[in-house]
């Protein structure tokens, strides 16, 4: 791995708002297949590829609001967004699973920066509360921070 990586990569913790916990439970649990951890009537913990993702109920949140984007590799990338960097085989399995479940992609799975430094597989989609997610896949993770 490159010098940019710690020898021991630590799990992140990310808490995001959702307008409906049951929709979030179906999406993150059933669609994405994340294991549910602790929960209450206001929040749910998920194991997101070894990272702690927490969805918090926010009944005041606006869904279907105007979404900001930035252009990257000719695509309008949702801002903000979050996700996980995966090995290419795990990424492909996720992409195939999401296609089979009928996920509506904002940016269909494809290879970005093909043949260049930092070549990566990527896909973007929204959860039911309009939180944008990106999952990336790398054949060689050492290229993650290469210029």
N, C-alpha and C. Protein backbone atom coordinates (compact mmCIF):
# COMPACT_ATOMS: atom_id res chain seq x y z
N UNK A 1 0.83 -1.19 0.00
CA UNK A 1 0.00 0.00 0.00
C UNK A 1 0.87 1.25 0.00
N UNK A 2 0.30 2.36 -0.44
CA UNK A 2 1.06 3.60 -0.50
C UNK A 2 1.31 4.15 0.89
N UNK A 3 2.24 5.09 0.97
CA UNK A 3 2.55 5.71 2.26
C UNK A 3 1.39 6.49 2.81
N UNK A 4 0.39 6.81 2.00
CA UNK A 4 -0.77 7.57 2.45
C UNK A 4 -1.66 6.76 3.37
N UNK A 5 -1.52 5.45 3.35
CA UNK A 5 -2.35 4.60 4.19
C UNK A 5 -1.65 4.31 5.50
N UNK A 6 -2.42 4.30 6.55
CA UNK A 6 -1.94 3.85 7.84
C UNK A 6 -1.76 2.33 7.75
N UNK A 7 -0.87 1.79 8.51
CA UNK A 7 -0.71 0.34 8.53
C UNK A 7 -1.95 -0.35 9.07
N UNK A 8 -2.68 0.35 9.94
CA UNK A 8 -3.92 -0.18 10.50
C UNK A 8 -5.03 0.80 10.19
N UNK A 9 -5.79 0.49 9.15
CA UNK A 9 -6.89 1.35 8.77
C UNK A 9 -8.01 1.18 9.77
N UNK A 10 -8.48 2.27 10.35
CA UNK A 10 -9.51 2.24 11.38
C UNK A 10 -10.89 2.43 10.77
N UNK A 11 -11.91 1.80 11.34
CA UNK A 11 -13.28 2.00 10.83
C UNK A 11 -13.73 3.44 11.06
N UNK A 12 -14.49 3.98 10.13
CA UNK A 12 -15.07 5.30 10.33
C UNK A 12 -16.44 5.13 10.98
N UNK A 13 -16.94 6.24 11.54
CA UNK A 13 -18.29 6.33 12.07
C UNK A 13 -18.95 7.47 11.33
N UNK A 14 -20.09 7.21 10.72
CA UNK A 14 -20.82 8.24 9.99
C UNK A 14 -22.27 8.18 10.39
N UNK A 15 -22.84 9.31 10.79
CA UNK A 15 -24.25 9.40 11.14
C UNK A 15 -24.93 10.30 10.12
N UNK A 16 -26.04 9.81 9.53
CA UNK A 16 -26.75 10.55 8.50
C UNK A 16 -28.24 10.65 8.86
N UNK A 17 -28.90 11.68 8.36
CA UNK A 17 -30.34 11.81 8.63
C UNK A 17 -31.16 11.01 7.64
N UNK A 18 -32.29 10.49 8.11
CA UNK A 18 -33.28 9.83 7.25
C UNK A 18 -34.66 10.31 7.68
N UNK A 19 -35.58 10.37 6.73
CA UNK A 19 -36.93 10.85 7.06
C UNK A 19 -37.86 9.74 7.54
N UNK A 20 -37.46 8.47 7.33
CA UNK A 20 -38.31 7.33 7.68
C UNK A 20 -37.41 6.15 8.04
N UNK A 21 -37.44 5.73 9.31
CA UNK A 21 -36.55 4.64 9.75
C UNK A 21 -36.90 3.31 9.10
N UNK A 22 -38.17 3.02 8.86
CA UNK A 22 -38.53 1.73 8.26
C UNK A 22 -38.07 1.65 6.80
N UNK A 23 -38.19 2.76 6.05
CA UNK A 23 -37.65 2.77 4.69
C UNK A 23 -36.14 2.59 4.72
N UNK A 24 -35.48 3.26 5.67
CA UNK A 24 -34.03 3.13 5.81
C UNK A 24 -33.66 1.69 6.17
N UNK A 25 -34.42 1.07 7.05
CA UNK A 25 -34.15 -0.32 7.46
C UNK A 25 -34.25 -1.26 6.25
N UNK A 26 -35.26 -1.07 5.42
CA UNK A 26 -35.41 -1.91 4.23
C UNK A 26 -34.27 -1.67 3.24
N UNK A 27 -33.91 -0.40 3.05
CA UNK A 27 -32.87 -0.07 2.08
C UNK A 27 -31.50 -0.56 2.55
N UNK A 28 -31.06 -0.14 3.74
CA UNK A 28 -29.72 -0.49 4.20
C UNK A 28 -29.61 -1.95 4.61
N UNK A 29 -30.68 -2.52 5.15
CA UNK A 29 -30.66 -3.92 5.56
C UNK A 29 -30.95 -4.88 4.42
N UNK A 30 -32.10 -4.69 3.76
CA UNK A 30 -32.53 -5.65 2.73
C UNK A 30 -31.84 -5.42 1.38
N UNK A 31 -31.78 -4.18 0.93
CA UNK A 31 -31.22 -3.90 -0.40
C UNK A 31 -29.69 -3.98 -0.37
N UNK A 32 -29.06 -3.22 0.53
CA UNK A 32 -27.60 -3.22 0.58
C UNK A 32 -27.03 -4.40 1.37
N UNK A 33 -27.84 -5.03 2.20
CA UNK A 33 -27.39 -6.21 2.94
C UNK A 33 -26.51 -5.90 4.13
N UNK A 34 -26.59 -4.68 4.67
CA UNK A 34 -25.79 -4.32 5.84
C UNK A 34 -26.42 -4.92 7.09
N UNK A 35 -25.60 -5.52 7.95
CA UNK A 35 -26.09 -6.10 9.20
C UNK A 35 -26.47 -4.98 10.16
N UNK A 36 -27.65 -5.13 10.77
CA UNK A 36 -28.12 -4.15 11.75
C UNK A 36 -27.51 -4.43 13.10
N UNK A 37 -27.09 -3.36 13.77
CA UNK A 37 -26.57 -3.46 15.13
C UNK A 37 -27.59 -2.92 16.11
N UNK A 38 -27.12 -2.09 17.02
CA UNK A 38 -28.03 -1.48 18.00
C UNK A 38 -29.01 -0.56 17.29
N UNK A 39 -30.17 -0.36 17.95
CA UNK A 39 -31.15 0.56 17.38
C UNK A 39 -32.09 1.05 18.48
N UNK A 40 -32.82 2.09 18.16
CA UNK A 40 -33.89 2.60 19.02
C UNK A 40 -35.00 3.08 18.10
N UNK A 41 -35.98 3.76 18.64
CA UNK A 41 -37.03 4.30 17.79
C UNK A 41 -36.57 5.55 17.05
N UNK A 42 -35.32 5.99 17.28
CA UNK A 42 -34.79 7.21 16.66
C UNK A 42 -33.57 6.98 15.77
N UNK A 43 -32.93 5.80 15.85
CA UNK A 43 -31.71 5.56 15.09
C UNK A 43 -31.46 4.07 14.93
N UNK A 44 -30.62 3.73 13.92
CA UNK A 44 -30.22 2.34 13.66
C UNK A 44 -28.74 2.34 13.27
N UNK A 45 -27.96 1.46 13.90
CA UNK A 45 -26.55 1.23 13.53
C UNK A 45 -26.49 0.15 12.46
N UNK A 46 -25.56 0.32 11.50
CA UNK A 46 -25.31 -0.69 10.48
C UNK A 46 -23.82 -0.95 10.34
N UNK A 47 -23.50 -2.19 9.97
CA UNK A 47 -22.14 -2.56 9.63
C UNK A 47 -22.00 -2.36 8.12
N UNK A 48 -21.32 -1.30 7.74
CA UNK A 48 -21.11 -0.93 6.34
C UNK A 48 -19.69 -1.32 5.95
N UNK A 49 -19.51 -2.58 5.57
CA UNK A 49 -18.19 -3.11 5.20
C UNK A 49 -17.17 -2.87 6.31
N UNK A 50 -17.59 -3.09 7.55
CA UNK A 50 -16.69 -2.93 8.70
C UNK A 50 -16.68 -1.54 9.31
N UNK A 51 -17.43 -0.62 8.75
CA UNK A 51 -17.53 0.74 9.27
C UNK A 51 -18.90 0.91 9.92
N UNK A 52 -18.99 1.86 10.85
CA UNK A 52 -20.24 2.09 11.56
C UNK A 52 -21.03 3.21 10.89
N UNK A 53 -22.14 2.84 10.28
CA UNK A 53 -23.05 3.79 9.66
C UNK A 53 -24.30 3.85 10.53
N UNK A 54 -24.68 5.05 10.94
CA UNK A 54 -25.86 5.21 11.78
C UNK A 54 -26.85 6.11 11.05
N UNK A 55 -28.09 5.64 10.92
CA UNK A 55 -29.14 6.47 10.35
C UNK A 55 -29.96 7.02 11.52
N UNK A 56 -30.14 8.34 11.52
CA UNK A 56 -30.89 9.02 12.57
C UNK A 56 -32.16 9.61 11.99
N UNK A 57 -33.27 9.39 12.66
CA UNK A 57 -34.55 9.91 12.21
C UNK A 57 -34.57 11.44 12.31
N UNK A 58 -34.94 12.08 11.21
CA UNK A 58 -35.14 13.53 11.15
C UNK A 58 -36.42 13.76 10.36
N UNK A 59 -37.53 13.84 11.06
CA UNK A 59 -38.83 13.97 10.40
C UNK A 59 -38.98 15.29 9.65
N UNK A 60 -38.12 16.25 9.95
CA UNK A 60 -38.21 17.56 9.27
C UNK A 60 -37.41 17.60 7.97
N UNK A 61 -36.67 16.53 7.68
CA UNK A 61 -35.79 16.57 6.50
C UNK A 61 -36.61 16.60 5.21
N UNK A 62 -36.10 17.36 4.25
CA UNK A 62 -36.75 17.51 2.95
C UNK A 62 -36.24 16.43 2.00
N UNK A 63 -37.15 15.68 1.40
CA UNK A 63 -36.81 14.67 0.42
C UNK A 63 -37.23 15.20 -0.94
N UNK A 64 -36.50 14.81 -1.98
CA UNK A 64 -36.76 15.28 -3.35
C UNK A 64 -36.45 16.77 -3.51
N UNK A 65 -35.53 17.27 -2.68
CA UNK A 65 -35.12 18.66 -2.83
C UNK A 65 -34.11 18.75 -3.99
N UNK A 66 -33.81 19.96 -4.41
CA UNK A 66 -32.84 20.14 -5.49
C UNK A 66 -31.49 19.61 -5.03
N UNK A 67 -30.82 18.90 -5.91
CA UNK A 67 -29.56 18.24 -5.55
C UNK A 67 -28.39 18.95 -6.22
N UNK A 68 -27.35 19.21 -5.44
CA UNK A 68 -26.14 19.84 -5.96
C UNK A 68 -25.26 18.78 -6.62
N UNK A 69 -24.52 19.18 -7.66
CA UNK A 69 -23.60 18.27 -8.35
C UNK A 69 -22.33 19.01 -8.75
N UNK A 70 -21.28 18.25 -8.98
CA UNK A 70 -20.04 18.72 -9.60
C UNK A 70 -19.72 17.76 -10.73
N UNK A 71 -19.13 18.27 -11.81
CA UNK A 71 -18.80 17.42 -12.95
C UNK A 71 -17.46 16.73 -12.72
N UNK A 72 -17.48 15.41 -12.84
CA UNK A 72 -16.27 14.59 -12.73
C UNK A 72 -16.33 13.57 -13.87
N UNK A 73 -15.31 13.53 -14.68
CA UNK A 73 -15.21 12.56 -15.78
C UNK A 73 -16.48 12.58 -16.65
N UNK A 74 -17.03 13.78 -16.87
CA UNK A 74 -18.19 13.94 -17.73
C UNK A 74 -19.53 13.59 -17.09
N UNK A 75 -19.55 13.29 -15.80
CA UNK A 75 -20.79 12.95 -15.09
C UNK A 75 -21.07 13.99 -14.02
N UNK A 76 -22.35 14.22 -13.76
CA UNK A 76 -22.76 15.12 -12.67
C UNK A 76 -22.81 14.32 -11.38
N UNK A 77 -21.78 14.50 -10.55
CA UNK A 77 -21.61 13.75 -9.32
C UNK A 77 -22.37 14.47 -8.19
N UNK A 78 -23.23 13.74 -7.48
CA UNK A 78 -23.95 14.34 -6.35
C UNK A 78 -23.01 14.81 -5.25
N UNK A 79 -23.31 15.99 -4.71
CA UNK A 79 -22.54 16.56 -3.60
C UNK A 79 -23.53 17.01 -2.54
N UNK A 80 -23.39 16.58 -1.30
CA UNK A 80 -22.40 15.65 -0.77
C UNK A 80 -22.78 14.21 -1.08
N UNK A 81 -21.83 13.30 -0.84
CA UNK A 81 -22.08 11.87 -0.95
C UNK A 81 -21.09 11.13 -0.06
N UNK A 82 -21.36 9.86 0.17
CA UNK A 82 -20.44 9.03 0.94
C UNK A 82 -20.52 7.62 0.41
N UNK A 83 -19.57 6.80 0.81
CA UNK A 83 -19.56 5.40 0.41
C UNK A 83 -18.29 4.75 0.88
N UNK A 84 -18.00 3.59 0.31
CA UNK A 84 -16.85 2.80 0.72
C UNK A 84 -16.05 2.43 -0.52
N UNK A 85 -14.73 2.38 -0.36
CA UNK A 85 -13.83 1.91 -1.41
C UNK A 85 -13.68 0.40 -1.22
N UNK A 86 -13.97 -0.35 -2.26
CA UNK A 86 -13.96 -1.80 -2.21
C UNK A 86 -12.94 -2.36 -3.19
N UNK A 87 -12.58 -3.63 -3.01
CA UNK A 87 -11.80 -4.30 -4.05
C UNK A 87 -12.74 -4.50 -5.23
N UNK A 88 -12.20 -4.66 -6.41
CA UNK A 88 -12.99 -4.68 -7.64
C UNK A 88 -14.00 -5.83 -7.68
N UNK A 89 -13.65 -6.99 -7.14
CA UNK A 89 -14.58 -8.12 -7.16
C UNK A 89 -15.79 -7.86 -6.26
N UNK A 90 -15.57 -7.31 -5.06
CA UNK A 90 -16.66 -6.99 -4.15
C UNK A 90 -17.54 -5.90 -4.76
N UNK A 91 -16.89 -4.91 -5.40
CA UNK A 91 -17.65 -3.83 -6.06
C UNK A 91 -18.56 -4.42 -7.15
N UNK A 92 -18.03 -5.32 -7.96
CA UNK A 92 -18.82 -5.91 -9.05
C UNK A 92 -19.99 -6.71 -8.49
N UNK A 93 -19.76 -7.46 -7.42
CA UNK A 93 -20.85 -8.21 -6.79
C UNK A 93 -21.94 -7.26 -6.30
N UNK A 94 -21.55 -6.13 -5.69
CA UNK A 94 -22.52 -5.15 -5.21
C UNK A 94 -23.27 -4.54 -6.39
N UNK A 95 -22.57 -4.15 -7.44
CA UNK A 95 -23.21 -3.56 -8.61
C UNK A 95 -24.22 -4.53 -9.22
N UNK A 96 -23.84 -5.79 -9.37
CA UNK A 96 -24.74 -6.80 -9.94
C UNK A 96 -25.97 -6.99 -9.05
N UNK A 97 -25.75 -7.05 -7.74
CA UNK A 97 -26.85 -7.22 -6.78
C UNK A 97 -27.82 -6.04 -6.86
N UNK A 98 -27.30 -4.82 -6.93
CA UNK A 98 -28.16 -3.64 -6.99
C UNK A 98 -28.94 -3.59 -8.30
N UNK A 99 -28.28 -3.96 -9.41
CA UNK A 99 -29.00 -4.03 -10.69
C UNK A 99 -30.13 -5.05 -10.63
N UNK A 100 -29.86 -6.21 -10.04
CA UNK A 100 -30.88 -7.26 -9.91
C UNK A 100 -32.05 -6.83 -9.03
N UNK A 101 -31.78 -5.92 -8.07
CA UNK A 101 -32.83 -5.43 -7.18
C UNK A 101 -33.52 -4.19 -7.73
N UNK A 102 -33.13 -3.76 -8.92
CA UNK A 102 -33.80 -2.65 -9.58
C UNK A 102 -33.47 -1.27 -9.04
N UNK A 103 -32.29 -1.12 -8.45
CA UNK A 103 -31.89 0.20 -7.94
C UNK A 103 -31.82 1.18 -9.11
N UNK A 104 -32.32 2.38 -8.89
CA UNK A 104 -32.21 3.44 -9.90
C UNK A 104 -30.89 4.17 -9.64
N UNK A 105 -29.96 4.03 -10.55
CA UNK A 105 -28.66 4.66 -10.40
C UNK A 105 -28.71 6.11 -10.86
N UNK A 106 -28.05 6.97 -10.12
CA UNK A 106 -27.84 8.34 -10.58
C UNK A 106 -26.74 8.34 -11.63
N UNK A 107 -25.69 7.56 -11.36
CA UNK A 107 -24.62 7.30 -12.33
C UNK A 107 -24.45 5.78 -12.36
N UNK A 108 -24.75 5.19 -13.51
CA UNK A 108 -24.66 3.74 -13.68
C UNK A 108 -23.24 3.26 -13.38
N UNK A 109 -23.08 2.04 -12.90
CA UNK A 109 -21.74 1.49 -12.68
C UNK A 109 -20.90 1.55 -13.96
N UNK A 110 -19.68 2.08 -13.82
CA UNK A 110 -18.76 2.17 -14.96
C UNK A 110 -17.34 2.36 -14.45
N UNK A 111 -16.37 2.31 -15.38
CA UNK A 111 -14.96 2.52 -15.04
C UNK A 111 -14.61 3.99 -15.33
N UNK A 112 -14.19 4.69 -14.29
CA UNK A 112 -13.81 6.09 -14.38
C UNK A 112 -12.29 6.19 -14.55
N UNK A 113 -11.85 7.18 -15.31
CA UNK A 113 -10.43 7.42 -15.55
C UNK A 113 -9.75 6.20 -16.17
N UNK A 114 -10.46 5.55 -17.08
CA UNK A 114 -9.98 4.31 -17.70
C UNK A 114 -8.60 4.52 -18.33
N UNK A 115 -7.66 3.64 -18.00
CA UNK A 115 -6.32 3.68 -18.54
C UNK A 115 -5.43 4.75 -17.94
N UNK A 116 -5.93 5.48 -16.93
CA UNK A 116 -5.17 6.55 -16.30
C UNK A 116 -4.81 6.15 -14.87
N UNK A 117 -3.92 6.94 -14.27
CA UNK A 117 -3.63 6.76 -12.85
C UNK A 117 -4.94 7.00 -12.09
N UNK A 118 -5.22 6.16 -11.13
CA UNK A 118 -6.45 6.31 -10.35
C UNK A 118 -7.67 5.67 -10.98
N UNK A 119 -7.46 4.82 -12.02
CA UNK A 119 -8.59 4.12 -12.64
C UNK A 119 -9.40 3.43 -11.54
N UNK A 120 -10.72 3.56 -11.64
CA UNK A 120 -11.60 3.03 -10.60
C UNK A 120 -12.98 2.74 -11.17
N UNK A 121 -13.62 1.76 -10.59
CA UNK A 121 -15.02 1.51 -10.87
C UNK A 121 -15.83 2.37 -9.91
N UNK A 122 -16.96 2.89 -10.37
CA UNK A 122 -17.79 3.73 -9.51
C UNK A 122 -19.25 3.60 -9.87
N UNK A 123 -20.10 3.92 -8.92
CA UNK A 123 -21.55 3.99 -9.14
C UNK A 123 -22.14 4.90 -8.07
N UNK A 124 -23.20 5.60 -8.45
CA UNK A 124 -23.89 6.50 -7.54
C UNK A 124 -25.37 6.18 -7.53
N UNK A 125 -25.98 6.27 -6.36
CA UNK A 125 -27.42 6.12 -6.22
C UNK A 125 -27.83 6.80 -4.92
N UNK A 126 -29.14 6.98 -4.75
CA UNK A 126 -29.68 7.64 -3.57
C UNK A 126 -30.43 6.64 -2.70
N UNK A 127 -30.40 6.88 -1.38
CA UNK A 127 -31.24 6.12 -0.48
C UNK A 127 -32.64 6.75 -0.47
N UNK A 128 -33.62 6.17 0.21
CA UNK A 128 -34.98 6.72 0.19
C UNK A 128 -35.11 8.13 0.78
N UNK A 129 -34.09 8.58 1.52
CA UNK A 129 -34.10 9.94 2.09
C UNK A 129 -33.24 10.90 1.28
N UNK A 130 -32.86 10.51 0.07
CA UNK A 130 -32.05 11.32 -0.85
C UNK A 130 -30.62 11.56 -0.38
N UNK A 131 -30.09 10.65 0.45
CA UNK A 131 -28.66 10.68 0.76
C UNK A 131 -27.95 10.00 -0.41
N UNK A 132 -26.97 10.69 -1.00
CA UNK A 132 -26.24 10.15 -2.15
C UNK A 132 -25.14 9.22 -1.67
N UNK A 133 -25.03 8.06 -2.32
CA UNK A 133 -24.00 7.08 -2.01
C UNK A 133 -23.17 6.80 -3.25
N UNK A 134 -21.86 6.68 -3.04
CA UNK A 134 -20.94 6.25 -4.09
C UNK A 134 -20.14 5.08 -3.56
N UNK A 135 -20.07 4.03 -4.36
CA UNK A 135 -19.20 2.91 -4.03
C UNK A 135 -18.18 2.81 -5.14
N UNK A 136 -16.89 2.73 -4.74
CA UNK A 136 -15.79 2.64 -5.68
C UNK A 136 -15.15 1.26 -5.58
N UNK A 137 -14.58 0.82 -6.69
CA UNK A 137 -13.83 -0.42 -6.71
C UNK A 137 -12.49 -0.22 -7.38
N UNK A 138 -11.44 -0.76 -6.78
CA UNK A 138 -10.09 -0.65 -7.32
C UNK A 138 -9.50 -2.04 -7.51
N UNK A 139 -8.82 -2.23 -8.65
CA UNK A 139 -8.03 -3.45 -8.86
C UNK A 139 -6.79 -3.40 -7.97
N UNK A 140 -6.24 -2.21 -7.81
CA UNK A 140 -5.03 -2.00 -7.01
C UNK A 140 -5.27 -0.81 -6.10
N UNK A 141 -5.53 -1.08 -4.83
CA UNK A 141 -5.85 -0.03 -3.86
C UNK A 141 -4.75 0.98 -3.67
N UNK A 142 -3.51 0.62 -4.05
CA UNK A 142 -2.41 1.57 -3.88
C UNK A 142 -2.58 2.80 -4.76
N UNK A 143 -3.46 2.73 -5.76
CA UNK A 143 -3.70 3.87 -6.63
C UNK A 143 -4.73 4.85 -6.10
N UNK A 144 -5.28 4.59 -4.93
CA UNK A 144 -6.35 5.42 -4.39
C UNK A 144 -5.98 6.89 -4.30
N UNK A 145 -4.78 7.22 -3.87
CA UNK A 145 -4.39 8.62 -3.68
C UNK A 145 -3.35 9.10 -4.71
N UNK A 146 -3.11 8.29 -5.72
CA UNK A 146 -2.12 8.67 -6.74
C UNK A 146 -2.61 9.87 -7.54
N UNK A 147 -1.67 10.74 -7.91
CA UNK A 147 -2.00 11.94 -8.71
C UNK A 147 -1.85 11.64 -10.18
